[in-house]
């Protein structure tokens, strides 16, 4: 966030505050939502294993993808993929 704040010529505090006002979510939550969206697209459009989708969507590994995905969507990525079929 510090780098983004510098680009915007704001302190990290003010950048965070303005970002949340503009987007409606904090920066970290926004990034996680974008990662989940990317993972969903990859699950819909490819047959790649979740272990390959996770790093491509910005998660450290499949376990990280699964825990965040479940927390945010209330279902696991595997179940999400099954329900697509």
N, C-alpha and C. Protein backbone atom coordinates (compact mmCIF):
# COMPACT_ATOMS: atom_id res chain seq x y z
N UNK A 1 0.82 -1.18 0.00
CA UNK A 1 0.00 0.00 0.00
C UNK A 1 0.86 1.25 0.00
N UNK A 2 2.02 1.17 0.60
CA UNK A 2 2.89 2.34 0.67
C UNK A 2 3.26 2.83 -0.73
N UNK A 3 3.55 1.89 -1.63
CA UNK A 3 3.89 2.28 -3.00
C UNK A 3 2.73 2.98 -3.69
N UNK A 4 1.55 2.46 -3.52
CA UNK A 4 0.37 3.09 -4.12
C UNK A 4 0.13 4.48 -3.53
N UNK A 5 0.32 4.60 -2.24
CA UNK A 5 0.14 5.90 -1.58
C UNK A 5 1.14 6.91 -2.14
N UNK A 6 2.38 6.47 -2.35
CA UNK A 6 3.39 7.36 -2.91
C UNK A 6 3.01 7.82 -4.31
N UNK A 7 2.53 6.90 -5.13
CA UNK A 7 2.12 7.25 -6.49
C UNK A 7 1.00 8.28 -6.45
N UNK A 8 0.10 8.13 -5.50
CA UNK A 8 -1.02 9.06 -5.36
C UNK A 8 -0.64 10.33 -4.60
N UNK A 9 0.61 10.40 -4.17
CA UNK A 9 1.11 11.56 -3.39
C UNK A 9 0.30 11.75 -2.11
N UNK A 10 0.01 10.65 -1.44
CA UNK A 10 -0.73 10.68 -0.19
C UNK A 10 0.01 9.85 0.85
N UNK A 11 -0.28 10.11 2.09
CA UNK A 11 0.25 9.25 3.14
C UNK A 11 -0.51 7.92 3.06
N UNK A 12 0.09 6.84 3.56
CA UNK A 12 -0.65 5.56 3.55
C UNK A 12 -2.00 5.65 4.24
N UNK A 13 -2.07 6.41 5.33
CA UNK A 13 -3.34 6.57 6.05
C UNK A 13 -4.39 7.21 5.16
N UNK A 14 -4.03 8.32 4.52
CA UNK A 14 -5.00 9.03 3.69
C UNK A 14 -5.37 8.22 2.44
N UNK A 15 -4.38 7.55 1.86
CA UNK A 15 -4.68 6.71 0.71
C UNK A 15 -5.68 5.63 1.08
N UNK A 16 -5.45 4.96 2.20
CA UNK A 16 -6.34 3.91 2.66
C UNK A 16 -7.75 4.45 2.87
N UNK A 17 -7.83 5.59 3.50
CA UNK A 17 -9.13 6.21 3.79
C UNK A 17 -9.87 6.59 2.50
N UNK A 18 -9.16 7.22 1.57
CA UNK A 18 -9.78 7.63 0.30
C UNK A 18 -10.15 6.43 -0.56
N UNK A 19 -9.30 5.40 -0.54
CA UNK A 19 -9.59 4.19 -1.31
C UNK A 19 -10.89 3.56 -0.82
N UNK A 20 -11.02 3.44 0.48
CA UNK A 20 -12.23 2.83 1.04
C UNK A 20 -13.47 3.66 0.72
N UNK A 21 -13.35 4.98 0.76
CA UNK A 21 -14.48 5.84 0.41
C UNK A 21 -14.87 5.67 -1.06
N UNK A 22 -13.88 5.56 -1.93
CA UNK A 22 -14.14 5.49 -3.36
C UNK A 22 -14.65 4.12 -3.80
N UNK A 23 -14.10 3.07 -3.23
CA UNK A 23 -14.40 1.71 -3.69
C UNK A 23 -15.43 1.02 -2.81
N UNK A 24 -15.49 1.40 -1.55
CA UNK A 24 -16.43 0.77 -0.63
C UNK A 24 -15.83 -0.39 0.15
N UNK A 25 -14.58 -0.72 -0.15
CA UNK A 25 -13.86 -1.79 0.54
C UNK A 25 -12.46 -1.31 0.86
N UNK A 26 -11.88 -1.87 1.91
CA UNK A 26 -10.48 -1.60 2.17
C UNK A 26 -9.62 -2.23 1.08
N UNK A 27 -8.40 -1.75 0.94
CA UNK A 27 -7.51 -2.22 -0.12
C UNK A 27 -7.28 -3.72 -0.06
N UNK A 28 -6.98 -4.27 1.11
CA UNK A 28 -6.70 -5.71 1.21
C UNK A 28 -7.92 -6.54 0.83
N UNK A 29 -9.07 -6.13 1.29
CA UNK A 29 -10.30 -6.86 0.97
C UNK A 29 -10.60 -6.76 -0.53
N UNK A 30 -10.37 -5.60 -1.11
CA UNK A 30 -10.56 -5.40 -2.54
C UNK A 30 -9.66 -6.35 -3.33
N UNK A 31 -8.40 -6.43 -2.95
CA UNK A 31 -7.45 -7.32 -3.64
C UNK A 31 -7.91 -8.77 -3.53
N UNK A 32 -8.35 -9.19 -2.35
CA UNK A 32 -8.82 -10.56 -2.17
C UNK A 32 -10.05 -10.84 -3.04
N UNK A 33 -10.95 -9.89 -3.13
CA UNK A 33 -12.13 -10.06 -3.98
C UNK A 33 -11.73 -10.23 -5.44
N UNK A 34 -10.76 -9.44 -5.89
CA UNK A 34 -10.29 -9.56 -7.29
C UNK A 34 -9.64 -10.92 -7.51
N UNK A 35 -8.89 -11.41 -6.52
CA UNK A 35 -8.26 -12.73 -6.64
C UNK A 35 -9.31 -13.83 -6.71
N UNK A 36 -10.33 -13.73 -5.89
CA UNK A 36 -11.42 -14.71 -5.92
C UNK A 36 -12.13 -14.67 -7.27
N UNK A 37 -12.39 -13.47 -7.76
CA UNK A 37 -13.02 -13.33 -9.07
C UNK A 37 -12.18 -14.00 -10.16
N UNK A 38 -10.86 -13.79 -10.09
CA UNK A 38 -9.96 -14.40 -11.07
C UNK A 38 -9.99 -15.93 -10.96
N UNK A 39 -9.99 -16.44 -9.74
CA UNK A 39 -10.05 -17.89 -9.54
C UNK A 39 -11.37 -18.45 -10.10
N UNK A 40 -12.47 -17.75 -9.89
CA UNK A 40 -13.76 -18.20 -10.42
C UNK A 40 -13.72 -18.28 -11.94
N UNK A 41 -13.16 -17.27 -12.57
CA UNK A 41 -13.06 -17.26 -14.03
C UNK A 41 -12.22 -18.44 -14.51
N UNK A 42 -11.10 -18.67 -13.86
CA UNK A 42 -10.24 -19.79 -14.24
C UNK A 42 -10.93 -21.13 -14.04
N UNK A 43 -11.72 -21.26 -12.98
CA UNK A 43 -12.45 -22.50 -12.74
C UNK A 43 -13.54 -22.71 -13.81
N UNK A 44 -14.13 -21.62 -14.27
CA UNK A 44 -15.18 -21.70 -15.28
C UNK A 44 -14.60 -22.02 -16.66
N UNK A 45 -13.46 -21.44 -16.97
CA UNK A 45 -12.93 -21.50 -18.33
C UNK A 45 -11.89 -22.58 -18.57
N UNK A 46 -11.35 -23.17 -17.51
CA UNK A 46 -10.32 -24.19 -17.69
C UNK A 46 -10.62 -25.42 -16.84
N UNK A 47 -9.88 -26.46 -17.11
CA UNK A 47 -9.95 -27.67 -16.29
C UNK A 47 -8.68 -27.83 -15.46
N UNK A 48 -7.95 -26.75 -15.29
CA UNK A 48 -6.72 -26.80 -14.51
C UNK A 48 -7.03 -27.24 -13.08
N UNK A 49 -6.11 -27.99 -12.47
CA UNK A 49 -6.30 -28.32 -11.06
C UNK A 49 -6.24 -27.05 -10.20
N UNK A 50 -6.91 -27.11 -9.07
CA UNK A 50 -6.92 -25.95 -8.17
C UNK A 50 -5.51 -25.57 -7.73
N UNK A 51 -4.63 -26.54 -7.65
CA UNK A 51 -3.25 -26.26 -7.26
C UNK A 51 -2.55 -25.36 -8.28
N UNK A 52 -2.97 -25.40 -9.53
CA UNK A 52 -2.41 -24.52 -10.55
C UNK A 52 -3.15 -23.19 -10.62
N UNK A 53 -4.43 -23.22 -10.35
CA UNK A 53 -5.24 -22.00 -10.38
C UNK A 53 -4.84 -21.06 -9.25
N UNK A 54 -4.56 -21.62 -8.08
CA UNK A 54 -4.27 -20.80 -6.90
C UNK A 54 -3.16 -19.77 -7.16
N UNK A 55 -1.97 -20.17 -7.59
CA UNK A 55 -0.93 -19.15 -7.79
C UNK A 55 -1.24 -18.22 -8.96
N UNK A 56 -1.94 -18.72 -9.97
CA UNK A 56 -2.29 -17.88 -11.10
C UNK A 56 -3.28 -16.78 -10.70
N UNK A 57 -4.08 -17.06 -9.67
CA UNK A 57 -5.04 -16.08 -9.18
C UNK A 57 -4.46 -15.22 -8.06
N UNK A 58 -3.21 -15.48 -7.67
CA UNK A 58 -2.58 -14.64 -6.66
C UNK A 58 -2.54 -15.21 -5.26
N UNK A 59 -2.91 -16.47 -5.09
CA UNK A 59 -2.87 -17.11 -3.79
C UNK A 59 -1.56 -17.87 -3.65
N UNK A 60 -1.10 -18.05 -2.42
CA UNK A 60 0.19 -18.71 -2.22
C UNK A 60 0.15 -20.19 -2.57
N UNK A 61 -0.99 -20.84 -2.32
CA UNK A 61 -1.14 -22.26 -2.65
C UNK A 61 -2.62 -22.63 -2.61
N UNK A 62 -2.92 -23.89 -2.89
CA UNK A 62 -4.31 -24.34 -2.93
C UNK A 62 -5.00 -24.18 -1.58
N UNK A 63 -4.29 -24.44 -0.51
CA UNK A 63 -4.86 -24.31 0.83
C UNK A 63 -5.29 -22.87 1.11
N UNK A 64 -4.45 -21.94 0.72
CA UNK A 64 -4.77 -20.51 0.91
C UNK A 64 -6.00 -20.14 0.08
N UNK A 65 -6.04 -20.58 -1.18
CA UNK A 65 -7.21 -20.34 -2.02
C UNK A 65 -8.47 -20.90 -1.37
N UNK A 66 -8.40 -22.14 -0.91
CA UNK A 66 -9.57 -22.79 -0.32
C UNK A 66 -10.06 -22.06 0.92
N UNK A 67 -9.16 -21.69 1.80
CA UNK A 67 -9.61 -21.04 3.04
C UNK A 67 -10.22 -19.67 2.77
N UNK A 68 -9.61 -18.87 1.90
CA UNK A 68 -10.15 -17.54 1.60
C UNK A 68 -11.45 -17.67 0.80
N UNK A 69 -11.46 -18.56 -0.18
CA UNK A 69 -12.65 -18.76 -1.02
C UNK A 69 -13.84 -19.17 -0.15
N UNK A 70 -13.61 -20.13 0.75
CA UNK A 70 -14.69 -20.59 1.64
C UNK A 70 -15.17 -19.48 2.56
N UNK A 71 -14.23 -18.71 3.10
CA UNK A 71 -14.60 -17.61 3.99
C UNK A 71 -15.46 -16.57 3.27
N UNK A 72 -15.12 -16.28 2.03
CA UNK A 72 -15.82 -15.22 1.30
C UNK A 72 -17.09 -15.67 0.59
N UNK A 73 -17.15 -16.94 0.16
CA UNK A 73 -18.29 -17.40 -0.63
C UNK A 73 -19.16 -18.43 0.08
N UNK A 74 -18.67 -18.95 1.20
CA UNK A 74 -19.37 -19.97 1.99
C UNK A 74 -19.37 -21.35 1.35
N UNK A 75 -18.64 -21.53 0.24
CA UNK A 75 -18.46 -22.85 -0.35
C UNK A 75 -16.99 -23.01 -0.73
N UNK A 76 -16.57 -24.25 -0.89
CA UNK A 76 -15.18 -24.50 -1.28
C UNK A 76 -15.03 -24.32 -2.80
N UNK A 77 -13.81 -24.10 -3.26
CA UNK A 77 -13.61 -23.98 -4.71
C UNK A 77 -14.02 -25.27 -5.45
N UNK A 78 -13.75 -26.42 -4.86
CA UNK A 78 -14.16 -27.68 -5.49
C UNK A 78 -15.66 -27.77 -5.67
N UNK A 79 -16.38 -27.38 -4.65
CA UNK A 79 -17.85 -27.41 -4.74
C UNK A 79 -18.34 -26.37 -5.75
N UNK A 80 -17.73 -25.21 -5.75
CA UNK A 80 -18.08 -24.17 -6.72
C UNK A 80 -17.93 -24.73 -8.14
N UNK A 81 -16.81 -25.38 -8.39
CA UNK A 81 -16.54 -25.94 -9.72
C UNK A 81 -17.57 -27.03 -10.05
N UNK A 82 -17.91 -27.87 -9.09
CA UNK A 82 -18.89 -28.93 -9.30
C UNK A 82 -20.25 -28.36 -9.64
N UNK A 83 -20.63 -27.28 -8.96
CA UNK A 83 -21.93 -26.66 -9.20
C UNK A 83 -22.01 -25.97 -10.55
N UNK A 84 -20.85 -25.66 -11.15
CA UNK A 84 -20.85 -25.06 -12.48
C UNK A 84 -21.29 -26.04 -13.55
N UNK A 85 -20.99 -27.32 -13.30
CA UNK A 85 -21.26 -28.35 -14.32
C UNK A 85 -22.73 -28.66 -14.48
